């Protein structure tokens, strides 16, 4: 059974078509674009906030996109348990919108980083990782300048106590090291979920690793999990 995936398009989004292809052609689901000015999610089962530079990243990454009319509907959707997935700039929009805790700062070395990284799966108790095994390593690309995840001690304790840290940057063998951290994220955090576990934000791009021809098909595990959680 095909589910309906909505990919939100902001002015400046540039990974919207990657997400559309990954969920449509690779995962064989129904996909449609949702414009940032829309006030209706058109009955989608999943909302994807894609990567890019929404509104040119003016003020801060995601800071203006949070005021888009579509985000009011995304918040309501999430509050009612709908699945929301923010990738890269989408993660930044979710943080700015208050749907996920913490902040995404400039990369530690103040450089844009675009390369493959390895992620260690920290929890499979989410709709986004149920097809994975705890500790499974994924090879997935990153491309960002503001991916340095930060949270205060209280928030970090909450994330750890509630098993909300989903992915950490690691070596190919799954060892979490300073060298494997591409942007300075605290605790090597690459992705988190909200308390209700229905909103995921991650800086790496699983949609760009959904087919082997892209250099890795490991991202398909994440997309497949989303679809299977709806069955």
Foldseek 3Di string as FASTA:
>chain_A
DAFEEEEEDAVFFDCSVLVVCLCPVQVPHHYDYDYLQDQDRPPGQEYEHGDGQHVNCPPHLLQVSLPGNVVVVVVVCVVVPGAYEYEASGLQNCCNNVQDDFHFAFFPVQDWDWDKFKKAFQDCPALQRVLDDHRDIFIFIFTGGGGATDDDPVVVVVCVVLVFQTIFTAHPNRHHDPVRQGGNHVVRGAKTHDSSRRYIYGRTDLSCACDVVSVHNRSVSRVVSNVVVVD
